[in-house]
Amino acid sequence: PFGTNPHYVTVTGMDGRGNAIVQDPESKKDNQLYKINNLLSKSSFGVSVTGRNKSRFGRSKYGKGLRGSCTNEQAYNFFIDNGFTAAAAAGAVGNLMAEAGTDSSGQIDASSIESNGEGVGIVQWSYGRKQEFLQYCKDNGNPFPNKDLSLQLGFIIKELNGGEWRKYNGYGHPEYLISYNDFMKCTDVEIATGAWMSCYERPNAKYAHLDRRISYAKDI
């Protein structure tokens, strides 16, 4: 699928739907998607990069398998690729922007550390969750502090798959206390944003700033 002239391409990851993310030096676009069976049938030679706790496709300069031209877009596309609706993905990203803060260009600050030194990363993981996050980064070869958005997003999915979605009724909005399955189907950005805050991030109610999270999410 790579044109008439034989040449090398690089697979930098998978998109969660069985598609390989391909970097083609003869293409004007990065992060092109190909069905893995089609990719293999058209390839005559391949080299796999492996290592302890690493993806078999390795890591690369091309956003480490993430799709998008900026951090916020890459995070949004990551959630879409993991089965989130558009509203759920926007709600998640809006929360990350509020939690981690943004850089001068309005992008999520993946290297964020709370002023008191406790909360870290795009979710501002703290206490027990922080220790698990730090170990996860170490095990995957990139100890925090880092700006590895792909790694940190991967830890979010690990937490969600491990039961970290827990209803916390401390914000005065019982309508946000929905199941993870209902969140994944959500089509209302405000509900999705409130649910992610209430059931996954669960910040201190005094500093939750729900209005800011919703505003960010609606701008995604």
N, C-alpha and C. Protein backbone atom coordinates (compact mmCIF):
# COMPACT_ATOMS: atom_id res chain seq x y z
N PRO A 1 0.81 -1.23 0.00
CA PRO A 1 0.00 0.00 0.00
C PRO A 1 0.83 1.27 0.00
N PHE A 2 2.14 1.13 -0.28
CA PHE A 2 3.04 2.27 -0.09
C PHE A 2 3.59 2.83 -1.39
N GLY A 3 2.87 2.67 -2.47
CA GLY A 3 3.34 3.22 -3.73
C GLY A 3 4.00 2.19 -4.61
N THR A 4 4.48 2.64 -5.77
CA THR A 4 5.04 1.72 -6.77
C THR A 4 6.48 1.35 -6.51
N ASN A 5 7.24 2.22 -5.83
CA ASN A 5 8.66 1.96 -5.62
C ASN A 5 8.90 1.34 -4.24
N PRO A 6 9.61 0.22 -4.18
CA PRO A 6 9.90 -0.40 -2.88
C PRO A 6 10.71 0.55 -1.98
N HIS A 7 10.34 0.65 -0.72
CA HIS A 7 11.07 1.47 0.23
C HIS A 7 10.66 1.07 1.64
N TYR A 8 11.44 1.55 2.60
CA TYR A 8 11.15 1.23 3.99
C TYR A 8 10.09 2.17 4.57
N VAL A 9 9.23 1.61 5.41
CA VAL A 9 8.32 2.41 6.22
C VAL A 9 8.48 1.95 7.67
N THR A 10 7.98 2.76 8.59
CA THR A 10 8.10 2.44 10.02
C THR A 10 6.73 2.35 10.66
N VAL A 11 6.48 1.25 11.35
CA VAL A 11 5.25 1.12 12.14
C VAL A 11 5.57 1.57 13.57
N THR A 12 4.86 2.60 14.04
CA THR A 12 5.16 3.18 15.34
C THR A 12 4.13 2.85 16.41
N GLY A 13 3.13 2.03 16.07
CA GLY A 13 2.15 1.64 17.08
C GLY A 13 0.88 1.11 16.45
N MET A 14 -0.12 0.89 17.31
CA MET A 14 -1.44 0.45 16.88
C MET A 14 -2.46 1.44 17.40
N ASP A 15 -3.58 1.59 16.71
CA ASP A 15 -4.56 2.60 17.10
C ASP A 15 -5.69 2.08 17.96
N GLY A 16 -5.66 0.84 18.40
CA GLY A 16 -6.71 0.28 19.24
C GLY A 16 -7.84 -0.36 18.45
N ARG A 17 -7.81 -0.25 17.12
CA ARG A 17 -8.84 -0.85 16.28
C ARG A 17 -8.24 -1.86 15.30
N GLY A 18 -7.04 -2.28 15.58
CA GLY A 18 -6.39 -3.25 14.72
C GLY A 18 -5.64 -2.65 13.56
N ASN A 19 -5.51 -1.32 13.53
CA ASN A 19 -4.78 -0.66 12.45
C ASN A 19 -3.36 -0.33 12.90
N ALA A 20 -2.41 -0.52 12.00
CA ALA A 20 -1.03 -0.12 12.27
C ALA A 20 -0.86 1.36 11.92
N ILE A 21 -0.12 2.08 12.76
CA ILE A 21 0.19 3.49 12.51
C ILE A 21 1.53 3.54 11.81
N VAL A 22 1.50 4.00 10.55
CA VAL A 22 2.66 3.91 9.67
C VAL A 22 3.24 5.28 9.36
N GLN A 23 4.58 5.38 9.43
CA GLN A 23 5.30 6.57 8.99
C GLN A 23 5.99 6.23 7.66
N ASP A 24 5.57 6.91 6.60
CA ASP A 24 6.05 6.62 5.25
C ASP A 24 6.86 7.81 4.75
N PRO A 25 8.17 7.65 4.54
CA PRO A 25 8.99 8.77 4.11
C PRO A 25 8.61 9.33 2.73
N GLU A 26 7.86 8.56 1.93
CA GLU A 26 7.45 9.05 0.62
C GLU A 26 6.04 9.65 0.65
N SER A 27 5.49 9.79 1.84
CA SER A 27 4.16 10.39 1.99
C SER A 27 4.30 11.76 2.64
N LYS A 28 3.37 12.66 2.33
CA LYS A 28 3.36 13.99 2.94
C LYS A 28 2.67 13.99 4.30
N LYS A 29 2.06 12.87 4.69
CA LYS A 29 1.31 12.81 5.94
C LYS A 29 1.94 11.80 6.90
N ASP A 30 1.99 12.17 8.20
CA ASP A 30 2.44 11.25 9.23
C ASP A 30 1.25 10.42 9.74
N ASN A 31 1.56 9.35 10.46
CA ASN A 31 0.55 8.56 11.19
C ASN A 31 -0.58 8.06 10.30
N GLN A 32 -0.24 7.47 9.16
CA GLN A 32 -1.26 6.87 8.30
C GLN A 32 -1.66 5.49 8.83
N LEU A 33 -2.92 5.16 8.68
CA LEU A 33 -3.45 3.92 9.23
C LEU A 33 -3.63 2.86 8.15
N TYR A 34 -3.18 1.63 8.45
CA TYR A 34 -3.35 0.51 7.54
C TYR A 34 -3.78 -0.72 8.34
N LYS A 35 -4.68 -1.50 7.79
CA LYS A 35 -5.03 -2.77 8.39
C LYS A 35 -3.77 -3.63 8.45
N ILE A 36 -3.57 -4.28 9.59
CA ILE A 36 -2.33 -5.02 9.78
C ILE A 36 -2.16 -6.14 8.77
N ASN A 37 -3.26 -6.82 8.39
CA ASN A 37 -3.15 -7.89 7.40
C ASN A 37 -2.73 -7.35 6.05
N ASN A 38 -3.26 -6.19 5.68
CA ASN A 38 -2.88 -5.56 4.42
C ASN A 38 -1.42 -5.14 4.46
N LEU A 39 -1.01 -4.63 5.59
CA LEU A 39 0.37 -4.20 5.76
C LEU A 39 1.33 -5.36 5.58
N LEU A 40 1.03 -6.48 6.24
CA LEU A 40 1.92 -7.64 6.17
C LEU A 40 1.95 -8.26 4.78
N SER A 41 0.81 -8.26 4.10
CA SER A 41 0.76 -8.89 2.78
C SER A 41 1.53 -8.09 1.74
N LYS A 42 1.71 -6.79 1.99
CA LYS A 42 2.41 -5.94 1.03
C LYS A 42 3.88 -5.74 1.39
N SER A 43 4.31 -6.34 2.50
CA SER A 43 5.68 -6.15 2.96
C SER A 43 6.50 -7.41 2.71
N SER A 44 7.73 -7.22 2.26
CA SER A 44 8.59 -8.37 1.97
C SER A 44 9.65 -8.57 3.05
N PHE A 45 9.82 -7.60 3.93
CA PHE A 45 10.88 -7.71 4.95
C PHE A 45 10.50 -6.81 6.11
N GLY A 46 10.75 -7.26 7.33
CA GLY A 46 10.44 -6.44 8.50
C GLY A 46 11.42 -6.68 9.62
N VAL A 47 11.62 -5.65 10.45
CA VAL A 47 12.46 -5.75 11.63
C VAL A 47 11.64 -5.31 12.82
N SER A 48 11.58 -6.15 13.85
CA SER A 48 10.82 -5.83 15.06
C SER A 48 11.78 -5.39 16.15
N VAL A 49 11.47 -4.27 16.78
CA VAL A 49 12.28 -3.76 17.89
C VAL A 49 11.60 -4.16 19.19
N THR A 50 12.27 -4.93 20.04
CA THR A 50 11.66 -5.39 21.28
C THR A 50 12.55 -5.07 22.46
N GLY A 51 11.97 -5.15 23.64
CA GLY A 51 12.71 -4.92 24.87
C GLY A 51 11.81 -5.19 26.05
N ARG A 52 12.36 -5.24 27.21
CA ARG A 52 11.58 -5.53 28.41
C ARG A 52 10.51 -4.47 28.61
N ASN A 53 9.24 -4.91 28.71
CA ASN A 53 8.09 -4.03 28.93
C ASN A 53 7.93 -2.98 27.85
N LYS A 54 8.38 -3.24 26.64
CA LYS A 54 8.24 -2.29 25.55
C LYS A 54 7.32 -2.85 24.49
N SER A 55 6.72 -1.96 23.72
CA SER A 55 5.92 -2.38 22.57
C SER A 55 6.83 -3.06 21.56
N ARG A 56 6.30 -4.04 20.88
CA ARG A 56 7.13 -4.72 19.89
C ARG A 56 7.40 -3.84 18.68
N PHE A 57 6.71 -2.71 18.57
CA PHE A 57 6.99 -1.78 17.50
C PHE A 57 7.96 -0.69 17.94
N GLY A 58 8.37 -0.69 19.21
CA GLY A 58 9.30 0.30 19.70
C GLY A 58 8.68 1.67 19.86
N ARG A 59 9.52 2.68 20.06
CA ARG A 59 9.08 4.06 20.20
C ARG A 59 9.76 4.88 19.11
N SER A 60 9.16 6.01 18.78
CA SER A 60 9.73 6.80 17.70
C SER A 60 9.50 8.27 17.93
N LYS A 61 10.02 9.10 17.06
CA LYS A 61 9.84 10.55 17.16
C LYS A 61 8.47 10.99 16.69
N TYR A 62 7.70 10.10 16.12
CA TYR A 62 6.41 10.48 15.55
C TYR A 62 5.28 10.35 16.57
N GLY A 63 5.40 11.07 17.70
CA GLY A 63 4.32 11.06 18.67
C GLY A 63 4.10 9.73 19.34
N LYS A 64 5.06 8.80 19.21
CA LYS A 64 4.99 7.49 19.86
C LYS A 64 3.66 6.81 19.58
N GLY A 65 3.22 6.87 18.34
CA GLY A 65 2.01 6.18 17.94
C GLY A 65 0.74 6.97 18.10
N LEU A 66 0.81 8.20 18.62
CA LEU A 66 -0.38 9.02 18.80
C LEU A 66 -0.70 9.79 17.53
N ARG A 67 -1.99 9.96 17.27
CA ARG A 67 -2.43 10.70 16.08
C ARG A 67 -2.79 12.13 16.45
N GLY A 68 -2.24 13.08 15.69
CA GLY A 68 -2.58 14.47 15.92
C GLY A 68 -1.37 15.36 15.87
N SER A 69 -1.61 16.64 15.63
CA SER A 69 -0.52 17.61 15.47
C SER A 69 -0.19 18.33 16.76
N CYS A 70 -0.97 18.13 17.83
CA CYS A 70 -0.70 18.79 19.10
C CYS A 70 -1.13 17.86 20.23
N THR A 71 -0.71 18.19 21.44
CA THR A 71 -0.95 17.31 22.58
C THR A 71 -2.43 17.07 22.84
N ASN A 72 -3.23 18.13 22.83
CA ASN A 72 -4.66 17.97 23.11
C ASN A 72 -5.33 17.09 22.06
N GLU A 73 -4.97 17.29 20.81
CA GLU A 73 -5.55 16.48 19.73
C GLU A 73 -5.12 15.03 19.86
N GLN A 74 -3.87 14.82 20.21
CA GLN A 74 -3.38 13.45 20.37
C GLN A 74 -4.11 12.74 21.50
N ALA A 75 -4.33 13.43 22.61
CA ALA A 75 -5.05 12.83 23.73
C ALA A 75 -6.49 12.51 23.33
N TYR A 76 -7.13 13.44 22.64
CA TYR A 76 -8.52 13.23 22.19
C TYR A 76 -8.60 12.02 21.26
N ASN A 77 -7.71 11.95 20.28
CA ASN A 77 -7.72 10.82 19.34
C ASN A 77 -7.42 9.50 20.05
N PHE A 78 -6.56 9.56 21.05
CA PHE A 78 -6.25 8.35 21.81
C PHE A 78 -7.51 7.79 22.46
N PHE A 79 -8.29 8.65 23.08
CA PHE A 79 -9.51 8.19 23.73
C PHE A 79 -10.53 7.69 22.70
N ILE A 80 -10.64 8.39 21.58
CA ILE A 80 -11.53 7.92 20.51
C ILE A 80 -11.11 6.52 20.06
N ASP A 81 -9.81 6.32 19.89
CA ASP A 81 -9.29 5.03 19.44
C ASP A 81 -9.51 3.93 20.48
N ASN A 82 -9.76 4.33 21.73
CA ASN A 82 -10.01 3.36 22.78
C ASN A 82 -11.50 3.23 23.10
N GLY A 83 -12.34 3.66 22.14
CA GLY A 83 -13.77 3.40 22.24
C GLY A 83 -14.62 4.47 22.88
N PHE A 84 -14.03 5.62 23.21
CA PHE A 84 -14.80 6.71 23.79
C PHE A 84 -15.66 7.37 22.71
N THR A 85 -16.83 7.88 23.08
CA THR A 85 -17.58 8.74 22.17
C THR A 85 -16.87 10.08 22.09
N ALA A 86 -17.27 10.93 21.14
CA ALA A 86 -16.67 12.25 21.01
C ALA A 86 -16.87 13.06 22.29
N ALA A 87 -18.05 12.97 22.89
CA ALA A 87 -18.33 13.71 24.13
C ALA A 87 -17.47 13.21 25.28
N ALA A 88 -17.34 11.89 25.40
CA ALA A 88 -16.53 11.30 26.47
C ALA A 88 -15.06 11.68 26.31
N ALA A 89 -14.57 11.63 25.07
CA ALA A 89 -13.17 11.99 24.81
C ALA A 89 -12.92 13.45 25.15
N ALA A 90 -13.84 14.32 24.76
CA ALA A 90 -13.70 15.76 25.05
C ALA A 90 -13.75 15.99 26.56
N GLY A 91 -14.65 15.28 27.24
CA GLY A 91 -14.73 15.43 28.69
C GLY A 91 -13.45 15.01 29.38
N ALA A 92 -12.85 13.92 28.92
CA ALA A 92 -11.59 13.45 29.50
C ALA A 92 -10.48 14.47 29.28
N VAL A 93 -10.36 14.97 28.05
CA VAL A 93 -9.29 15.92 27.74
C VAL A 93 -9.49 17.24 28.50
N GLY A 94 -10.73 17.71 28.59
CA GLY A 94 -10.99 18.92 29.35
C GLY A 94 -10.55 18.79 30.79
N ASN A 95 -10.78 17.62 31.37
CA ASN A 95 -10.31 17.36 32.73
C ASN A 95 -8.80 17.35 32.83
N LEU A 96 -8.14 16.73 31.87
CA LEU A 96 -6.67 16.68 31.90
C LEU A 96 -6.08 18.08 31.80
N MET A 97 -6.70 18.93 30.98
CA MET A 97 -6.22 20.30 30.85
C MET A 97 -6.35 21.05 32.17
N ALA A 98 -7.46 20.82 32.86
CA ALA A 98 -7.68 21.49 34.14
C ALA A 98 -6.77 20.93 35.23
N GLU A 99 -6.55 19.62 35.21
CA GLU A 99 -5.72 18.99 36.24
C GLU A 99 -4.24 19.35 36.09
N ALA A 100 -3.70 19.10 34.90
CA ALA A 100 -2.27 19.28 34.69
C ALA A 100 -1.89 20.73 34.39
N GLY A 101 -2.88 21.51 33.96
CA GLY A 101 -2.57 22.84 33.48
C GLY A 101 -2.11 22.78 32.04
N THR A 102 -1.96 23.92 31.43
CA THR A 102 -1.56 23.99 30.03
C THR A 102 -0.32 24.84 29.86
N ASP A 103 0.38 24.60 28.74
CA ASP A 103 1.56 25.41 28.44
C ASP A 103 1.15 26.70 27.76
N SER A 104 2.11 27.44 27.27
CA SER A 104 1.83 28.76 26.69
C SER A 104 0.97 28.68 25.43
N SER A 105 0.92 27.49 24.80
CA SER A 105 0.11 27.33 23.60
C SER A 105 -1.24 26.66 23.90
N GLY A 106 -1.55 26.48 25.17
CA GLY A 106 -2.84 25.91 25.54
C GLY A 106 -2.89 24.40 25.51
N GLN A 107 -1.73 23.75 25.48
CA GLN A 107 -1.67 22.29 25.41
C GLN A 107 -1.43 21.69 26.80
N ILE A 108 -1.97 20.48 27.01
CA ILE A 108 -1.79 19.79 28.29
C ILE A 108 -0.30 19.71 28.64
N ASP A 109 0.03 20.03 29.89
CA ASP A 109 1.41 19.97 30.36
C ASP A 109 1.67 18.59 30.96
N ALA A 110 2.25 17.71 30.16
CA ALA A 110 2.45 16.32 30.60
C ALA A 110 3.50 16.19 31.70
N SER A 111 4.34 17.20 31.87
CA SER A 111 5.39 17.14 32.89
C SER A 111 4.98 17.85 34.17
N SER A 112 3.71 18.17 34.30
CA SER A 112 3.21 18.97 35.42
C SER A 112 3.44 18.30 36.77
N ILE A 113 3.86 19.12 37.74
CA ILE A 113 4.00 18.69 39.13
C ILE A 113 3.31 19.72 40.00
N GLU A 114 2.45 19.27 40.88
CA GLU A 114 1.71 20.17 41.77
C GLU A 114 2.66 21.02 42.60
N SER A 115 2.24 22.22 42.96
CA SER A 115 3.11 23.16 43.67
C SER A 115 3.64 22.59 44.98
N ASN A 116 2.86 21.70 45.63
CA ASN A 116 3.34 21.09 46.87
C ASN A 116 4.13 19.81 46.63
N GLY A 117 4.29 19.45 45.35
CA GLY A 117 5.09 18.29 44.98
C GLY A 117 4.35 16.98 45.00
N GLU A 118 3.06 16.98 45.35
CA GLU A 118 2.34 15.71 45.48
C GLU A 118 1.77 15.23 44.15
N GLY A 119 0.86 15.99 43.54
CA GLY A 119 0.24 15.57 42.29
C GLY A 119 1.21 15.66 41.11
N VAL A 120 1.20 14.64 40.25
CA VAL A 120 2.12 14.62 39.11
C VAL A 120 1.42 14.15 37.85
N GLY A 121 1.92 14.60 36.70
CA GLY A 121 1.46 14.11 35.42
C GLY A 121 0.13 14.69 34.98
N ILE A 122 -0.40 14.14 33.90
CA ILE A 122 -1.59 14.71 33.28
C ILE A 122 -2.86 14.53 34.11
N VAL A 123 -2.84 13.60 35.06
CA VAL A 123 -3.99 13.41 35.95
C VAL A 123 -3.70 13.99 37.34
N GLN A 124 -2.44 14.45 37.55
CA GLN A 124 -2.00 14.86 38.87
C GLN A 124 -2.21 13.72 39.87
N TRP A 125 -1.68 12.56 39.47
CA TRP A 125 -1.76 11.40 40.34
C TRP A 125 -1.10 11.71 41.68
N SER A 126 -1.74 11.25 42.76
CA SER A 126 -1.20 11.53 44.08
C SER A 126 -1.35 10.31 45.00
N TYR A 127 -0.56 10.31 46.08
CA TYR A 127 -0.61 9.28 47.10
C TYR A 127 -0.43 7.87 46.50
N GLY A 128 -1.31 6.94 46.79
CA GLY A 128 -1.12 5.58 46.32
C GLY A 128 -1.13 5.46 44.81
N ARG A 129 -2.01 6.21 44.16
CA ARG A 129 -2.07 6.18 42.69
C ARG A 129 -0.79 6.77 42.10
N LYS A 130 -0.24 7.75 42.76
CA LYS A 130 1.02 8.35 42.30
C LYS A 130 2.13 7.31 42.32
N GLN A 131 2.23 6.54 43.39
CA GLN A 131 3.29 5.54 43.48
C GLN A 131 3.15 4.49 42.38
N GLU A 132 1.92 4.09 42.09
CA GLU A 132 1.70 3.13 41.01
C GLU A 132 2.07 3.73 39.66
N PHE A 133 1.74 5.00 39.47
CA PHE A 133 2.10 5.68 38.22
C PHE A 133 3.61 5.78 38.06
N LEU A 134 4.29 6.17 39.12
CA LEU A 134 5.75 6.30 39.05
C LEU A 134 6.40 4.96 38.73
N GLN A 135 5.89 3.89 39.33
CA GLN A 135 6.44 2.56 39.06
C GLN A 135 6.17 2.15 37.62
N TYR A 136 4.98 2.49 37.12
CA TYR A 136 4.61 2.18 35.74
C TYR A 136 5.58 2.87 34.76
N CYS A 137 5.87 4.13 35.02
CA CYS A 137 6.82 4.86 34.16
C CYS A 137 8.20 4.22 34.20
N LYS A 138 8.64 3.87 35.40
CA LYS A 138 9.95 3.24 35.56
C LYS A 138 10.01 1.91 34.84
N ASP A 139 8.95 1.11 35.00
CA ASP A 139 8.91 -0.21 34.37
C ASP A 139 8.91 -0.11 32.85
N ASN A 140 8.41 1.01 32.33
CA ASN A 140 8.34 1.19 30.88
C ASN A 140 9.50 2.03 30.34
N GLY A 141 10.54 2.19 31.15
CA GLY A 141 11.78 2.78 30.67
C GLY A 141 11.83 4.28 30.57
N ASN A 142 10.88 4.98 31.19
CA ASN A 142 10.89 6.44 31.12
C ASN A 142 10.39 7.01 32.45
N PRO A 143 11.24 7.01 33.47
CA PRO A 143 10.83 7.48 34.79
C PRO A 143 10.32 8.92 34.75
N PHE A 144 9.32 9.20 35.57
CA PHE A 144 8.81 10.57 35.70
C PHE A 144 9.76 11.36 36.60
N PRO A 145 10.01 12.67 36.30
CA PRO A 145 9.33 13.55 35.34
C PRO A 145 9.64 13.20 33.88
N ASN A 146 8.59 13.19 33.08
CA ASN A 146 8.74 13.04 31.64
C ASN A 146 7.59 13.75 30.95
N LYS A 147 7.69 13.88 29.64
CA LYS A 147 6.62 14.48 28.84
C LYS A 147 6.02 13.42 27.91
N ASP A 148 6.10 12.18 28.34
CA ASP A 148 5.67 11.05 27.52
C ASP A 148 4.15 10.90 27.59
N LEU A 149 3.45 11.60 26.72
CA LEU A 149 1.99 11.58 26.73
C LEU A 149 1.45 10.19 26.49
N SER A 150 2.03 9.46 25.56
CA SER A 150 1.59 8.11 25.24
C SER A 150 1.66 7.20 26.46
N LEU A 151 2.74 7.29 27.19
CA LEU A 151 2.93 6.46 28.38
C LEU A 151 1.89 6.80 29.44
N GLN A 152 1.66 8.09 29.65
CA GLN A 152 0.72 8.51 30.68
C GLN A 152 -0.73 8.17 30.31
N LEU A 153 -1.07 8.32 29.04
CA LEU A 153 -2.41 7.91 28.60
C LEU A 153 -2.59 6.41 28.76
N GLY A 154 -1.54 5.67 28.51
CA GLY A 154 -1.60 4.22 28.70
C GLY A 154 -1.88 3.85 30.14
N PHE A 155 -1.33 4.62 31.08
CA PHE A 155 -1.58 4.35 32.49
C PHE A 155 -3.03 4.66 32.86
N ILE A 156 -3.62 5.67 32.22
CA ILE A 156 -5.04 5.94 32.45
C ILE A 156 -5.88 4.73 32.08
N ILE A 157 -5.63 4.15 30.91
CA ILE A 157 -6.39 2.98 30.48
C ILE A 157 -6.15 1.81 31.43
N LYS A 158 -4.92 1.66 31.90
CA LYS A 158 -4.61 0.61 32.87
C LYS A 158 -5.45 0.79 34.13
N GLU A 159 -5.55 2.02 34.61
CA GLU A 159 -6.36 2.28 35.80
C GLU A 159 -7.84 2.00 35.56
N LEU A 160 -8.33 2.47 34.42
CA LEU A 160 -9.75 2.27 34.11
C LEU A 160 -10.08 0.78 33.99
N ASN A 161 -9.19 0.04 33.34
CA ASN A 161 -9.41 -1.40 33.21
C ASN A 161 -9.26 -2.13 34.54
N GLY A 162 -8.59 -1.46 35.49
CA GLY A 162 -8.36 -2.07 36.80
C GLY A 162 -9.37 -1.66 37.85
N GLY A 163 -10.43 -0.97 37.45
CA GLY A 163 -11.50 -0.64 38.39
C GLY A 163 -11.36 0.70 39.09
N GLU A 164 -10.58 1.62 38.52
CA GLU A 164 -10.37 2.92 39.18
C GLU A 164 -11.57 3.86 39.01
N TRP A 165 -12.53 3.48 38.17
CA TRP A 165 -13.75 4.30 38.02
C TRP A 165 -14.63 4.07 39.25
N ARG A 166 -14.67 5.06 40.13
CA ARG A 166 -15.40 4.92 41.39
C ARG A 166 -16.24 6.17 41.63
N LYS A 167 -17.50 5.99 41.93
CA LYS A 167 -18.42 7.11 42.12
C LYS A 167 -18.14 7.81 43.45
N TYR A 168 -17.88 9.13 43.36
CA TYR A 168 -17.63 9.92 44.56
C TYR A 168 -18.64 11.05 44.62
N ASN A 169 -19.58 10.97 45.56
CA ASN A 169 -20.66 11.94 45.63
C ASN A 169 -20.28 13.11 46.54
N GLY A 170 -19.26 13.87 46.11
CA GLY A 170 -18.80 14.97 46.93
C GLY A 170 -18.88 16.32 46.25
N TYR A 171 -19.57 16.39 45.12
CA TYR A 171 -19.58 17.63 44.35
C TYR A 171 -20.98 18.21 44.16
N GLY A 172 -21.99 17.55 44.73
CA GLY A 172 -23.35 18.07 44.63
C GLY A 172 -24.01 17.88 43.28
N HIS A 173 -23.51 16.92 42.50
CA HIS A 173 -24.07 16.66 41.17
C HIS A 173 -24.30 15.16 41.00
N PRO A 174 -25.36 14.62 41.57
CA PRO A 174 -25.59 13.17 41.47
C PRO A 174 -25.78 12.70 40.03
N GLU A 175 -26.13 13.61 39.11
CA GLU A 175 -26.31 13.22 37.72
C GLU A 175 -25.00 12.79 37.06
N TYR A 176 -23.89 13.12 37.70
CA TYR A 176 -22.59 12.74 37.15
C TYR A 176 -22.14 11.35 37.62
N LEU A 177 -22.84 10.78 38.56
CA LEU A 177 -22.43 9.50 39.12
C LEU A 177 -22.97 8.35 38.28
N ILE A 178 -22.35 8.16 37.14
CA ILE A 178 -22.77 7.14 36.18
C ILE A 178 -21.73 6.04 36.10
N SER A 179 -22.11 4.91 35.57
CA SER A 179 -21.18 3.80 35.42
C SER A 179 -20.16 4.11 34.32
N TYR A 180 -19.07 3.36 34.34
CA TYR A 180 -18.06 3.53 33.30
C TYR A 180 -18.63 3.20 31.93
N ASN A 181 -19.45 2.18 31.84
CA ASN A 181 -20.07 1.81 30.56
C ASN A 181 -20.96 2.93 30.05
N ASP A 182 -21.72 3.57 30.95
CA ASP A 182 -22.58 4.69 30.53
C ASP A 182 -21.74 5.89 30.12
N PHE A 183 -20.62 6.11 30.81
CA PHE A 183 -19.72 7.19 30.41
C PHE A 183 -19.21 6.98 28.99
N MET A 184 -18.82 5.76 28.68
CA MET A 184 -18.27 5.46 27.36
C MET A 184 -19.29 5.69 26.25
N LYS A 185 -20.57 5.66 26.58
CA LYS A 185 -21.63 5.88 25.60
C LYS A 185 -22.15 7.31 25.61
N CYS A 186 -21.63 8.12 26.50
CA CYS A 186 -22.18 9.46 26.75
C CYS A 186 -22.09 10.36 25.51
N THR A 187 -23.15 11.11 25.25
CA THR A 187 -23.17 12.04 24.12
C THR A 187 -23.30 13.49 24.57
N ASP A 188 -23.30 13.72 25.87
CA ASP A 188 -23.41 15.07 26.43
C ASP A 188 -22.07 15.46 27.03
N VAL A 189 -21.43 16.49 26.48
CA VAL A 189 -20.08 16.87 26.92
C VAL A 189 -20.06 17.25 28.39
N GLU A 190 -21.05 18.00 28.84
CA GLU A 190 -21.07 18.43 30.23
C GLU A 190 -21.20 17.25 31.19
N ILE A 191 -22.10 16.32 30.88
CA ILE A 191 -22.25 15.12 31.71
C ILE A 191 -20.96 14.30 31.70
N ALA A 192 -20.37 14.13 30.53
CA ALA A 192 -19.14 13.35 30.41
C ALA A 192 -18.01 13.98 31.23
N THR A 193 -17.92 15.30 31.17
CA THR A 193 -16.87 16.01 31.91
C THR A 193 -17.06 15.84 33.42
N GLY A 194 -18.31 16.04 33.86
CA GLY A 194 -18.59 15.89 35.28
C GLY A 194 -18.40 14.47 35.77
N ALA A 195 -18.75 13.50 34.92
CA ALA A 195 -18.59 12.09 35.30
C ALA A 195 -17.11 11.72 35.42
N TRP A 196 -16.30 12.17 34.49
CA TRP A 196 -14.85 11.87 34.55
C TRP A 196 -14.25 12.47 35.81
N MET A 197 -14.65 13.70 36.13
CA MET A 197 -14.14 14.34 37.34
C MET A 197 -14.60 13.59 38.59
N SER A 198 -15.89 13.24 38.64
CA SER A 198 -16.48 12.65 39.84
C SER A 198 -16.09 11.20 40.06
N CYS A 199 -15.88 10.47 38.98
CA CYS A 199 -15.69 9.02 39.10
C CYS A 199 -14.27 8.55 38.80
N TYR A 200 -13.48 9.35 38.10
CA TYR A 200 -12.11 8.92 37.80
C TYR A 200 -11.08 9.81 38.49
N GLU A 201 -11.14 11.11 38.25
CA GLU A 201 -10.12 11.98 38.83
C GLU A 201 -10.36 12.22 40.32
N ARG A 202 -11.59 12.46 40.70
CA ARG A 202 -12.00 12.65 42.09
C ARG A 202 -11.11 13.65 42.84
N PRO A 203 -11.05 14.90 42.36
CA PRO A 203 -10.21 15.90 43.02
C PRO A 203 -10.83 16.42 44.32
N ASN A 204 -10.05 17.13 45.07
CA ASN A 204 -10.56 17.83 46.25
C ASN A 204 -11.68 18.76 45.80
N ALA A 205 -12.87 18.62 46.40
CA ALA A 205 -14.04 19.39 45.96
C ALA A 205 -13.78 20.90 46.01
N LYS A 206 -12.97 21.33 46.95
CA LYS A 206 -12.69 22.76 47.12
C LYS A 206 -11.96 23.33 45.91
N TYR A 207 -11.19 22.48 45.24
CA TYR A 207 -10.37 22.95 44.11
C TYR A 207 -10.76 22.25 42.79
N ALA A 208 -11.97 21.74 42.71
CA ALA A 208 -12.38 20.96 41.54
C ALA A 208 -12.53 21.81 40.29
N HIS A 209 -13.06 23.04 40.43
CA HIS A 209 -13.23 23.95 39.29
C HIS A 209 -13.94 23.27 38.11
N LEU A 210 -15.10 22.72 38.39
CA LEU A 210 -15.86 22.02 37.35
C LEU A 210 -16.15 22.92 36.16
N ASP A 211 -16.45 24.19 36.41
CA ASP A 211 -16.76 25.11 35.31
C ASP A 211 -15.60 25.22 34.33
N ARG A 212 -14.38 25.21 34.86
CA ARG A 212 -13.19 25.29 34.00
C ARG A 212 -13.04 24.02 33.16
N ARG A 213 -13.30 22.89 33.78
CA ARG A 213 -13.18 21.61 33.08
C ARG A 213 -14.20 21.54 31.92
N ILE A 214 -15.42 21.97 32.20
CA ILE A 214 -16.45 21.94 31.17
C ILE A 214 -16.11 22.90 30.04
N SER A 215 -15.60 24.07 30.39
CA SER A 215 -15.22 25.06 29.36
C SER A 215 -14.14 24.51 28.45
N TYR A 216 -13.12 23.88 29.03
CA TYR A 216 -12.06 23.27 28.23
C TYR A 216 -12.64 22.19 27.31
N ALA A 217 -13.50 21.35 27.89
CA ALA A 217 -14.04 20.22 27.12
C ALA A 217 -14.88 20.69 25.94
N LYS A 218 -15.64 21.74 26.13
CA LYS A 218 -16.49 22.25 25.06
C LYS A 218 -15.68 22.91 23.95
N ASP A 219 -14.43 23.27 24.26
CA ASP A 219 -13.58 23.88 23.24
C ASP A 219 -12.77 22.86 22.46
N ILE A 220 -12.81 21.59 22.87
CA ILE A 220 -12.03 20.55 22.18
C ILE A 220 -12.57 20.34 20.77
